[in-house]
Amino acid sequence: MQRKKAVIGIIIFAIVTILSFFLLQNVFQLGEGVSVITALLLGGIIEFLYQKKG
């Protein structure tokens, strides 16, 4: 069961990070560095909240 939760957490992190990056880069026209850092932070926060919830 832990393995399944870990895999789902990784997938959530990846999807949120990629989508956040594209949104920040294309919609909000932020610089690449800021977009990468913010997307990683958002992905980490969402994945942490998922792990904490379960």
Protein backbone atom coordinates (compact mmCIF):
# COMPACT_ATOMS: atom_id res chain seq x y z
CA MET A 1 0.00 0.00 0.00
CA GLN A 2 2.87 2.42 0.77
CA ARG A 3 4.39 1.78 -2.64
CA LYS A 4 1.14 2.68 -4.39
CA LYS A 5 0.84 5.89 -2.36
CA ALA A 6 4.44 6.83 -3.19
CA VAL A 7 3.91 6.27 -6.92
CA ILE A 8 0.70 8.31 -6.90
CA GLY A 9 2.52 11.07 -5.00
CA ILE A 10 5.30 11.16 -7.60
CA ILE A 11 2.76 11.33 -10.42
CA ILE A 12 0.88 14.15 -8.69
CA PHE A 13 4.14 16.04 -8.15
CA ALA A 14 5.11 15.66 -11.80
CA ILE A 15 1.75 16.71 -13.21
CA VAL A 16 1.36 19.72 -10.91
CA THR A 17 4.93 20.84 -11.55
CA ILE A 18 4.65 20.60 -15.34
CA LEU A 19 1.25 22.30 -15.51
CA SER A 20 2.34 25.04 -13.12
CA PHE A 21 5.46 25.69 -15.16
CA PHE A 22 3.51 26.04 -18.41
CA LEU A 23 0.93 28.30 -16.78
CA LEU A 24 3.54 30.53 -15.17
CA GLN A 25 5.64 30.67 -18.32
CA ASN A 26 2.94 31.17 -20.93
CA VAL A 27 -0.03 32.76 -19.16
CA PHE A 28 1.69 34.93 -16.57
CA GLN A 29 4.81 35.57 -18.71
CA LEU A 30 7.21 35.04 -15.79
CA GLY A 31 10.89 34.39 -16.39
CA GLU A 32 12.11 30.85 -16.78
CA GLY A 33 13.98 30.74 -13.46
CA VAL A 34 11.06 32.09 -11.46
CA SER A 35 8.67 29.73 -13.24
CA VAL A 36 10.84 26.69 -12.49
CA ILE A 37 11.31 27.51 -8.82
CA THR A 38 7.64 28.37 -8.28
CA ALA A 39 6.45 25.26 -10.14
CA LEU A 40 8.73 23.03 -8.05
CA LEU A 41 7.50 24.63 -4.86
CA LEU A 42 3.85 24.21 -5.87
CA GLY A 43 4.44 20.58 -6.87
CA GLY A 44 6.19 19.88 -3.57
CA ILE A 45 3.46 21.52 -1.51
CA ILE A 46 0.66 19.65 -3.28
CA GLU A 47 2.50 16.34 -2.99
CA PHE A 48 3.19 17.00 0.72
CA LEU A 49 -0.49 17.74 1.33
CA TYR A 50 -1.43 14.53 -0.49
CA GLN A 51 0.99 12.47 1.63
CA LYS A 52 -0.22 14.17 4.83
CA LYS A 53 -3.87 13.56 3.98
CA GLY A 54 -3.45 9.82 3.52
